[in-house]
Amino acid sequence: MPTLLPYSIYLEGEIEMNLYLLMTALFVAMAALMAADAALTSYTLLPWFNGLRWLRVHLITLGAITEAIFGLLPIIVAIQAERPRPKFRWDIWLALNIGLLTLLIGIPIINQALILIGGTLVFIATILLILQLRELRSMKQEQAAGSKGRSHNGRKFYIAGLSYFLLGIIVGTGLWLGWSDWLKIKTPVEVHIHANNWGFMTMIFAGLLVDMYPTWAKRPLAWPRSIIPIFWMLTIGALGLVIGPWIKSNWFSVPGIILFLIGTGWLLLNVIKPLWGDKKAWSQPGLWHIVMAYFWIIAPVLAAPLIILGVPGFPGAGIEQNAPQALIYGWVLQFGYAFIPYFFYRLFLPHESARLGGTWLSIVTVNLGGVFLWASIFLANYQGVLHGTAYLLWTISLVPIALLLWQILREGLAKLDNSSASLSSVSD
């Protein structure tokens, strides 16, 4: 069995692996531009761009976050399994990126052929990644799991999350192709959002915390034995949140909400308890990004019972229409603010001290953006201004992250060029 090596050994010099993070940086920059576009659109300064709401969301979910996840998961799983660095899979990279670019062209113009091709390619890339992760087993961990009944790593979370992503791709592609009728989905948009957020993203982010928290926090989670029950709570809870709107039954949605809240709360306590009272740890904006991100995924879940019960005066339709924007920017993107720069440091500057990303400016603005977006739901008379301000704040929050990624890229590529030049001079 190979010895567990430092991250720098796994990441250093892997030129092809950098392609995923190069694409991540590109999508982050595009997401910043599209957030600015959304602000101007809400202020009625750019009405022509009104039809690009889905594109803005997918630049983050299908773009920046998915690129980072596909590039990093094989490395993280290999490290946890104490295996050599996995080979770069060109088939996965090409299928994913050709599929993403095809979708990003096809969705705004609603071209069914391009959407089908793009969705199919991303689906294939996801299956190939699942198979790759399944092959990265650790015999030592499996034996430990068999003897003690537990295994403390994120691999199972990643595979479960990617499986929900497959479901999200099928339903999301079907939105444009009329598949919802023969799939008998009552509320297809809600099913798509739940599969991708409460299934895909929730499981992947939980797995990252399980695997990376000891490295980020320099200490273990509070209760390592809770990992398995948390996994099943999140997995079954997400299933209930998908089946509920699929057949429009609260008998699945309500238990799903309960299990999701318990599992998420338990996971957060695992993260927060070991750091409680540690002022130095809480001086890191990246840690605040991770903790605050979870508020924005819990908020719509807490509002769900009021929507289900049809409380008079409660804007259920407005929440269902607008809350996904706060979910994507406040939850998905904010978590990415922390973990994406960390891995940029590891990949492009492996000999320097890596840290979670984020600044106090990004902390304040990304969360204020969520507050203004939710305020726009309840204050209908000021919706345009509040909505525009939310996107303006999200644009501002993206700027320091995009600049940090560009700085790391520039320094890393410059050092790579210098190393190549040194090797050439030695060989001459």
Protein backbone atom coordinates (compact mmCIF):
# COMPACT_ATOMS: atom_id res chain seq x y z
CA MET A 1 0.00 0.00 0.00
CA PRO A 2 1.49 3.40 -0.99
CA THR A 3 2.39 5.79 1.82
CA LEU A 4 0.14 8.82 2.28
CA LEU A 5 2.00 11.72 0.68
CA PRO A 6 1.70 15.49 1.11
CA TYR A 7 -0.68 17.30 -1.23
CA SER A 8 2.25 18.96 -2.99
CA ILE A 9 3.51 15.56 -4.17
CA TYR A 10 0.11 14.76 -5.68
CA LEU A 11 -0.41 18.16 -7.25
CA GLU A 12 3.01 19.47 -8.21
CA GLY A 13 3.76 19.48 -11.91
CA GLU A 14 0.40 18.05 -13.02
CA ILE A 15 -0.04 20.36 -16.02
CA GLU A 16 -3.14 18.63 -17.35
CA MET A 17 -4.90 18.77 -13.96
CA ASN A 18 -4.49 22.56 -14.03
CA LEU A 19 -6.85 22.64 -17.03
CA TYR A 20 -9.83 22.08 -14.74
CA LEU A 21 -8.89 25.02 -12.54
CA LEU A 22 -8.07 27.19 -15.55
CA MET A 23 -11.64 26.57 -16.71
CA THR A 24 -12.84 27.25 -13.15
CA ALA A 25 -11.14 30.67 -13.20
CA LEU A 26 -12.71 31.42 -16.58
CA PHE A 27 -16.19 30.55 -15.33
CA VAL A 28 -15.70 32.63 -12.15
CA ALA A 29 -14.81 35.65 -14.31
CA MET A 30 -17.84 35.02 -16.52
CA ALA A 31 -20.07 34.64 -13.45
CA ALA A 32 -18.87 38.04 -12.22
CA LEU A 33 -19.75 39.65 -15.56
CA MET A 34 -23.16 37.99 -15.63
CA ALA A 35 -23.91 39.07 -12.04
CA ALA A 36 -23.13 42.64 -13.11
CA ASP A 37 -25.42 42.13 -16.10
CA ALA A 38 -28.20 40.94 -13.77
CA ALA A 39 -27.80 44.07 -11.63
CA LEU A 40 -28.03 46.34 -14.68
CA THR A 41 -30.99 44.33 -15.97
CA SER A 42 -32.85 44.73 -12.69
CA TYR A 43 -32.19 48.48 -12.82
CA THR A 44 -33.71 48.36 -16.38
CA LEU A 45 -30.42 49.57 -17.86
CA LEU A 46 -29.88 46.42 -19.93
CA PRO A 47 -33.34 45.02 -20.67
CA TRP A 48 -32.05 43.08 -23.70
CA PHE A 49 -30.31 40.57 -21.44
CA ASN A 50 -33.42 39.62 -19.51
CA GLY A 51 -33.57 36.07 -20.91
CA LEU A 52 -30.28 34.90 -19.43
CA ARG A 53 -31.37 34.02 -15.86
CA TRP A 54 -30.67 30.31 -16.32
CA LEU A 55 -27.28 31.04 -17.89
CA ARG A 56 -26.21 33.11 -14.87
CA VAL A 57 -27.02 30.24 -12.53
CA HIS A 58 -25.34 27.60 -14.67
CA LEU A 59 -22.11 29.59 -15.00
CA ILE A 60 -21.72 28.91 -11.26
CA THR A 61 -23.22 25.43 -10.85
CA LEU A 62 -22.35 23.79 -14.16
CA GLY A 63 -19.36 26.06 -14.71
CA ALA A 64 -17.04 27.09 -11.90
CA ILE A 65 -18.04 24.64 -9.17
CA THR A 66 -18.45 21.58 -11.41
CA GLU A 67 -15.07 22.17 -13.09
CA ALA A 68 -13.36 22.39 -9.72
CA ILE A 69 -15.15 19.30 -8.40
CA PHE A 70 -14.32 17.14 -11.42
CA GLY A 71 -10.67 18.16 -11.27
CA LEU A 72 -10.16 17.74 -7.54
CA LEU A 73 -12.20 14.72 -6.47
CA PRO A 74 -9.91 12.07 -8.01
CA ILE A 75 -6.90 13.66 -6.28
CA ILE A 76 -8.63 13.95 -2.90
CA VAL A 77 -9.93 10.37 -3.03
CA ALA A 78 -6.50 9.06 -4.08
CA ILE A 79 -4.88 10.82 -1.13
CA GLN A 80 -7.45 9.47 1.32
CA ALA A 81 -7.04 5.98 -0.17
CA GLU A 82 -3.23 6.26 0.04
CA ARG A 83 -2.88 5.61 -3.68
CA PRO A 84 -0.57 7.18 -6.25
CA ARG A 85 -1.77 10.30 -8.05
CA PRO A 86 -4.44 9.29 -10.58
CA LYS A 87 -3.77 9.84 -14.26
CA PHE A 88 -5.45 12.73 -15.98
CA ARG A 89 -8.53 11.50 -17.86
CA TRP A 90 -8.82 13.34 -21.15
CA ASP A 91 -12.06 11.53 -21.94
CA ILE A 92 -13.72 12.98 -18.83
CA TRP A 93 -12.31 16.48 -19.37
CA LEU A 94 -13.34 16.64 -23.01
CA ALA A 95 -16.83 15.22 -22.42
CA LEU A 96 -17.43 17.62 -19.54
CA ASN A 97 -16.12 20.76 -21.22
CA ILE A 98 -17.59 20.17 -24.65
CA GLY A 99 -20.89 19.36 -22.93
CA LEU A 100 -20.76 22.49 -20.74
CA LEU A 101 -19.91 24.81 -23.60
CA THR A 102 -22.67 23.26 -25.72
CA LEU A 103 -25.18 23.79 -22.91
CA LEU A 104 -24.05 27.37 -22.32
CA ILE A 105 -24.71 28.06 -25.99
CA GLY A 106 -27.91 26.03 -26.25
CA ILE A 107 -29.70 27.18 -23.08
CA PRO A 108 -29.89 30.95 -23.80
CA ILE A 109 -31.15 30.39 -27.36
CA ILE A 110 -33.28 27.38 -26.26
CA ASN A 111 -31.88 25.10 -28.95
CA GLN A 112 -33.16 21.61 -28.12
CA ALA A 113 -30.53 19.76 -30.17
CA LEU A 114 -27.64 21.56 -28.45
CA ILE A 115 -29.21 21.08 -25.01
CA LEU A 116 -29.62 17.34 -25.65
CA ILE A 117 -26.04 16.97 -26.89
CA GLY A 118 -24.62 19.04 -24.02
CA GLY A 119 -26.65 17.24 -21.37
CA THR A 120 -25.67 13.84 -22.78
CA LEU A 121 -21.95 14.68 -22.76
CA VAL A 122 -22.04 15.99 -19.16
CA PHE A 123 -23.99 12.85 -18.18
CA ILE A 124 -21.30 10.63 -19.76
CA ALA A 125 -18.51 12.60 -18.05
CA THR A 126 -20.26 12.18 -14.68
CA ILE A 127 -20.63 8.41 -15.11
CA LEU A 128 -16.93 8.13 -16.04
CA LEU A 129 -15.95 10.13 -12.95
CA ILE A 130 -18.10 7.92 -10.69
CA LEU A 131 -16.41 4.83 -12.14
CA GLN A 132 -12.99 6.40 -11.60
CA LEU A 133 -13.79 7.18 -7.95
CA ARG A 134 -15.15 3.68 -7.38
CA GLU A 135 -11.82 2.25 -8.58
CA LEU A 136 -9.88 4.34 -6.06
CA ARG A 137 -10.61 2.04 -3.15
CA SER A 138 -8.33 1.64 -0.17
CA MET A 139 -8.06 -1.93 1.11
CA LYS A 140 -6.86 -0.62 4.46
CA GLN A 141 -9.91 1.64 4.83
CA GLU A 142 -12.28 -1.11 3.69
CA GLN A 143 -10.84 -3.52 6.24
CA ALA A 144 -11.13 -0.85 8.93
CA ALA A 145 -14.72 -0.18 7.93
CA GLY A 146 -15.51 -3.90 8.05
CA SER A 147 -13.96 -4.41 11.47
CA LYS A 148 -15.26 -1.23 13.14
CA GLY A 149 -18.40 -0.66 11.12
CA ARG A 150 -17.33 2.77 9.95
CA SER A 151 -15.14 4.53 7.40
CA HIS A 152 -14.29 8.21 7.78
CA ASN A 153 -13.74 9.59 4.30
CA GLY A 154 -15.70 11.59 1.77
CA ARG A 155 -15.64 9.10 -1.11
CA LYS A 156 -19.15 7.80 -0.41
CA PHE A 157 -20.42 11.39 -0.25
CA TYR A 158 -18.88 12.18 -3.64
CA ILE A 159 -20.36 9.12 -5.36
CA ALA A 160 -23.81 9.79 -3.86
CA GLY A 161 -23.61 13.46 -4.85
CA LEU A 162 -22.59 12.66 -8.42
CA SER A 163 -25.45 10.15 -8.61
CA TYR A 164 -27.88 12.94 -7.72
CA PHE A 165 -26.15 15.06 -10.37
CA LEU A 166 -27.04 12.41 -12.96
CA LEU A 167 -30.67 12.72 -11.92
CA GLY A 168 -30.43 16.51 -12.06
CA ILE A 169 -29.00 16.32 -15.59
CA ILE A 170 -31.85 14.10 -16.78
CA VAL A 171 -34.55 16.32 -15.28
CA GLY A 172 -32.79 19.56 -16.27
CA THR A 173 -32.29 18.46 -19.87
CA GLY A 174 -35.89 17.27 -19.95
CA LEU A 175 -37.11 20.75 -18.98
CA TRP A 176 -36.30 21.90 -22.50
CA LEU A 177 -37.28 18.70 -24.31
CA GLY A 178 -40.68 17.93 -22.80
CA TRP A 179 -39.55 14.86 -20.83
CA SER A 180 -41.41 15.93 -17.68
CA ASP A 181 -44.72 14.58 -18.97
CA TRP A 182 -43.59 11.03 -19.67
CA LEU A 183 -41.46 11.06 -16.51
CA LYS A 184 -44.65 12.12 -14.68
CA ILE A 185 -42.89 14.92 -12.79
CA LYS A 186 -45.40 17.26 -11.19
CA THR A 187 -43.01 20.19 -10.59
CA PRO A 188 -39.91 19.56 -12.75
CA VAL A 189 -38.05 22.80 -12.02
CA GLU A 190 -38.24 22.15 -8.29
CA VAL A 191 -37.07 18.54 -8.75
CA HIS A 192 -34.12 19.75 -10.84
CA ILE A 193 -33.11 22.34 -8.23
CA HIS A 194 -33.48 19.90 -5.34
CA ALA A 195 -31.48 17.16 -7.07
CA ASN A 196 -28.62 19.54 -7.83
CA ASN A 197 -28.55 21.52 -4.58
CA TRP A 198 -29.80 19.22 -1.81
CA GLY A 199 -28.41 16.18 -3.60
CA PHE A 200 -25.32 16.99 -5.67
CA MET A 201 -23.87 20.08 -3.99
CA THR A 202 -24.83 19.16 -0.42
CA MET A 203 -23.20 15.73 -0.63
CA ILE A 204 -20.05 17.00 -2.39
CA PHE A 205 -19.55 19.85 0.09
CA ALA A 206 -20.14 17.50 3.03
CA GLY A 207 -17.53 15.13 1.61
CA LEU A 208 -15.05 17.99 1.24
CA LEU A 209 -15.56 18.93 4.88
CA VAL A 210 -15.08 15.33 5.98
CA ASP A 211 -11.85 14.97 3.98
CA MET A 212 -10.39 18.47 4.17
CA TYR A 213 -11.45 19.83 7.57
CA PRO A 214 -8.50 18.24 9.42
CA THR A 215 -6.17 19.95 6.94
CA TRP A 216 -7.97 23.29 6.96
CA ALA A 217 -8.58 23.46 10.73
CA LYS A 218 -5.49 21.49 11.87
CA ARG A 219 -7.74 19.29 14.06
CA PRO A 220 -10.30 16.53 13.54
CA LEU A 221 -14.05 16.93 13.36
CA ALA A 222 -15.79 16.97 16.74
CA TRP A 223 -17.41 13.52 16.41
CA PRO A 224 -15.78 11.41 13.65
CA ARG A 225 -18.17 8.51 14.32
CA SER A 226 -21.09 10.73 13.29
CA ILE A 227 -19.93 10.74 9.64
CA ILE A 228 -21.88 7.61 8.67
CA PRO A 229 -25.24 8.66 10.19
CA ILE A 230 -24.79 12.15 8.70
CA PHE A 231 -24.18 10.56 5.29
CA TRP A 232 -27.41 8.57 5.45
CA MET A 233 -29.44 11.50 6.80
CA LEU A 234 -28.29 13.76 3.96
CA THR A 235 -28.68 11.05 1.32
CA ILE A 236 -32.18 9.97 2.37
CA GLY A 237 -33.20 13.55 3.15
CA ALA A 238 -32.21 14.64 -0.37
CA LEU A 239 -34.16 11.69 -1.78
CA GLY A 240 -37.27 12.82 0.06
CA LEU A 241 -36.78 16.38 -1.19
CA VAL A 242 -36.57 15.06 -4.77
CA ILE A 243 -39.46 12.57 -4.61
CA GLY A 244 -41.75 15.06 -2.82
CA PRO A 245 -42.06 17.58 -5.67
CA TRP A 246 -41.77 14.76 -8.23
CA ILE A 247 -45.09 13.27 -7.13
CA LYS A 248 -46.23 16.38 -5.21
CA SER A 249 -46.49 14.62 -1.88
CA ASN A 250 -45.62 16.09 1.50
CA TRP A 251 -45.26 12.54 2.84
CA PHE A 252 -41.79 12.60 1.26
CA SER A 253 -40.94 16.31 1.40
CA VAL A 254 -41.51 16.74 5.15
CA PRO A 255 -39.37 13.75 6.30
CA GLY A 256 -36.76 14.88 3.74
CA ILE A 257 -36.66 18.36 5.26
CA ILE A 258 -36.36 16.97 8.79
CA LEU A 259 -33.55 14.56 7.93
CA PHE A 260 -31.73 17.22 5.93
CA LEU A 261 -31.88 19.75 8.77
CA ILE A 262 -30.69 17.24 11.38
CA GLY A 263 -27.85 15.97 9.18
CA THR A 264 -26.74 19.48 8.19
CA GLY A 265 -26.93 20.76 11.75
CA TRP A 266 -24.88 17.81 13.01
CA LEU A 267 -22.28 18.40 10.31
CA LEU A 268 -22.02 22.09 11.18
CA LEU A 269 -21.61 21.28 14.87
CA ASN A 270 -18.77 18.93 13.88
CA VAL A 271 -17.11 21.88 12.15
CA ILE A 272 -17.79 24.61 14.72
CA LYS A 273 -17.29 22.83 18.08
CA PRO A 274 -13.53 22.12 17.74
CA LEU A 275 -12.93 25.78 16.84
CA TRP A 276 -15.18 27.31 19.48
CA GLY A 277 -13.24 29.97 21.37
CA ASP A 278 -10.27 29.86 18.97
CA LYS A 279 -9.99 33.54 17.96
CA LYS A 280 -7.18 32.87 15.51
CA ALA A 281 -9.26 30.33 13.58
CA TRP A 282 -12.23 32.71 13.37
CA SER A 283 -10.00 35.49 12.06
CA GLN A 284 -9.95 33.64 8.73
CA PRO A 285 -12.60 34.89 6.25
CA GLY A 286 -12.57 31.48 4.56
CA LEU A 287 -13.94 29.75 7.65
CA TRP A 288 -16.73 32.32 7.89
CA HIS A 289 -17.56 31.73 4.22
CA ILE A 290 -18.02 28.00 4.88
CA VAL A 291 -20.18 28.48 7.96
CA MET A 292 -22.25 31.37 6.55
CA ALA A 293 -22.84 29.48 3.30
CA TYR A 294 -24.89 26.91 5.17
CA PHE A 295 -27.32 29.59 6.34
CA TRP A 296 -28.43 30.19 2.77
CA ILE A 297 -29.26 26.54 2.12
CA ILE A 298 -31.03 26.15 5.47
CA ALA A 299 -33.15 29.31 4.96
CA PRO A 300 -35.31 27.98 2.09
CA VAL A 301 -35.67 24.63 3.87
CA LEU A 302 -37.00 26.43 6.96
CA ALA A 303 -39.39 28.42 4.76
CA ALA A 304 -40.65 25.25 3.05
CA PRO A 305 -43.18 24.28 5.79
CA LEU A 306 -44.83 27.71 5.50
CA ILE A 307 -45.11 27.24 1.73
CA ILE A 308 -46.43 23.70 2.14
CA LEU A 309 -49.06 24.84 4.68
CA GLY A 310 -50.08 27.75 2.44
CA VAL A 311 -49.84 30.35 5.23
CA PRO A 312 -51.94 33.39 4.21
CA GLY A 313 -49.83 36.38 3.16
CA PHE A 314 -46.64 34.34 2.90
CA PRO A 315 -45.14 34.84 -0.60
CA GLY A 316 -44.61 31.19 -1.45
CA ALA A 317 -44.59 31.75 -5.21
CA GLY A 318 -42.04 34.57 -4.86
CA ILE A 319 -39.77 32.38 -2.74
CA GLU A 320 -39.97 29.48 -5.18
CA GLN A 321 -39.07 31.83 -8.04
CA ASN A 322 -36.32 33.92 -6.44
CA ALA A 323 -34.84 31.92 -3.55
CA PRO A 324 -32.81 29.71 -5.92
CA GLN A 325 -30.76 32.78 -6.86
CA ALA A 326 -29.81 33.38 -3.21
CA LEU A 327 -29.22 29.65 -2.89
CA ILE A 328 -26.73 29.61 -5.76
CA TYR A 329 -24.85 32.80 -4.88
CA GLY A 330 -25.11 32.59 -1.10
CA TRP A 331 -24.65 28.82 -0.71
CA VAL A 332 -22.87 27.28 -3.69
CA LEU A 333 -20.70 30.21 -4.75
CA GLN A 334 -19.87 31.28 -1.19
CA PHE A 335 -18.64 27.79 -0.30
CA GLY A 336 -16.60 27.95 -3.50
CA TYR A 337 -15.06 31.25 -2.35
CA ALA A 338 -13.39 29.26 0.42
CA PHE A 339 -12.35 25.97 -1.19
CA ILE A 340 -11.50 26.96 -4.79
CA PRO A 341 -8.63 29.38 -3.91
CA TYR A 342 -7.27 26.81 -1.46
CA PHE A 343 -6.82 24.26 -4.21
CA PHE A 344 -5.49 26.91 -6.60
CA TYR A 345 -2.69 27.46 -4.07
CA ARG A 346 -2.09 23.70 -3.85
CA LEU A 347 -1.99 23.18 -7.60
CA PHE A 348 -0.23 26.30 -8.87
CA LEU A 349 1.90 27.27 -5.84
CA PRO A 350 2.47 23.91 -4.11
CA HIS A 351 5.48 25.09 -2.10
CA GLU A 352 3.67 28.05 -0.55
CA SER A 353 1.31 28.01 2.41
CA ALA A 354 -2.23 27.37 1.17
CA ARG A 355 -5.22 29.00 2.84
CA LEU A 356 -8.95 29.15 2.40
CA GLY A 357 -10.10 31.91 0.09
CA GLY A 358 -12.17 34.96 0.88
CA THR A 359 -11.84 38.48 2.24
CA TRP A 360 -13.92 40.48 4.70
CA LEU A 361 -15.27 42.39 1.70
CA SER A 362 -16.46 39.18 0.04
CA ILE A 363 -17.95 37.99 3.37
CA VAL A 364 -20.02 41.14 3.84
CA THR A 365 -21.12 41.64 0.23
CA VAL A 366 -22.03 38.04 -0.64
CA ASN A 367 -24.23 37.73 2.45
CA LEU A 368 -25.75 41.20 2.10
CA GLY A 369 -26.63 40.20 -1.45
CA GLY A 370 -28.67 37.31 -0.06
CA VAL A 371 -30.41 39.64 2.40
CA PHE A 372 -31.40 42.07 -0.36
CA LEU A 373 -32.59 39.23 -2.62
CA TRP A 374 -34.84 37.86 0.13
CA ALA A 375 -36.04 41.38 0.94
CA SER A 376 -37.09 41.76 -2.71
CA ILE A 377 -39.39 38.76 -2.28
CA PHE A 378 -41.33 40.38 0.58
CA LEU A 379 -41.20 44.03 -0.60
CA ALA A 380 -42.79 43.69 -4.03
CA ASN A 381 -43.01 47.48 -4.61
CA TYR A 382 -39.22 47.76 -4.42
CA GLN A 383 -38.40 44.44 -6.05
CA GLY A 384 -36.44 45.82 -9.01
CA VAL A 385 -34.15 48.02 -6.94
CA LEU A 386 -33.59 45.39 -4.24
CA HIS A 387 -33.01 42.67 -6.82
CA GLY A 388 -30.50 44.84 -8.68
CA THR A 389 -28.70 45.74 -5.44
CA ALA A 390 -28.42 42.03 -4.56
CA TYR A 391 -26.68 41.27 -7.86
CA LEU A 392 -24.49 44.37 -7.54
CA LEU A 393 -23.33 43.17 -4.12
CA TRP A 394 -22.68 39.67 -5.49
CA THR A 395 -20.65 41.22 -8.32
CA ILE A 396 -18.54 43.12 -5.80
CA SER A 397 -18.06 39.94 -3.76
CA LEU A 398 -16.78 38.08 -6.83
CA VAL A 399 -14.13 40.67 -7.68
CA PRO A 400 -11.57 39.91 -4.91
CA ILE A 401 -11.99 36.16 -5.48
CA ALA A 402 -11.47 36.49 -9.25
CA LEU A 403 -8.42 38.73 -8.67
CA LEU A 404 -6.96 36.23 -6.18
CA LEU A 405 -7.39 33.34 -8.61
CA TRP A 406 -5.77 35.39 -11.38
CA GLN A 407 -2.85 36.30 -9.09
CA ILE A 408 -2.27 32.66 -8.14
CA LEU A 409 -2.51 31.59 -11.79
CA ARG A 410 -0.08 34.25 -12.93
CA GLU A 411 2.50 33.45 -10.23
CA GLY A 412 2.15 29.71 -10.73
CA LEU A 413 2.52 29.85 -14.50
CA ALA A 414 5.46 32.25 -14.19
CA LYS A 415 7.25 29.81 -11.87
CA LEU A 416 6.45 26.99 -14.27
CA ASP A 417 8.00 28.97 -17.14
CA ASN A 418 11.10 29.71 -15.03
CA SER A 419 11.43 26.02 -14.13
CA SER A 420 11.14 25.03 -17.80
CA ALA A 421 13.75 27.62 -18.76
CA SER A 422 16.11 26.35 -16.06
CA LEU A 423 15.73 22.76 -17.25
CA SER A 424 16.40 23.82 -20.85
CA SER A 425 19.57 25.68 -19.85
CA VAL A 426 20.81 22.66 -17.86
CA SER A 427 20.18 20.29 -20.78
CA ASP A 428 22.01 22.65 -23.13
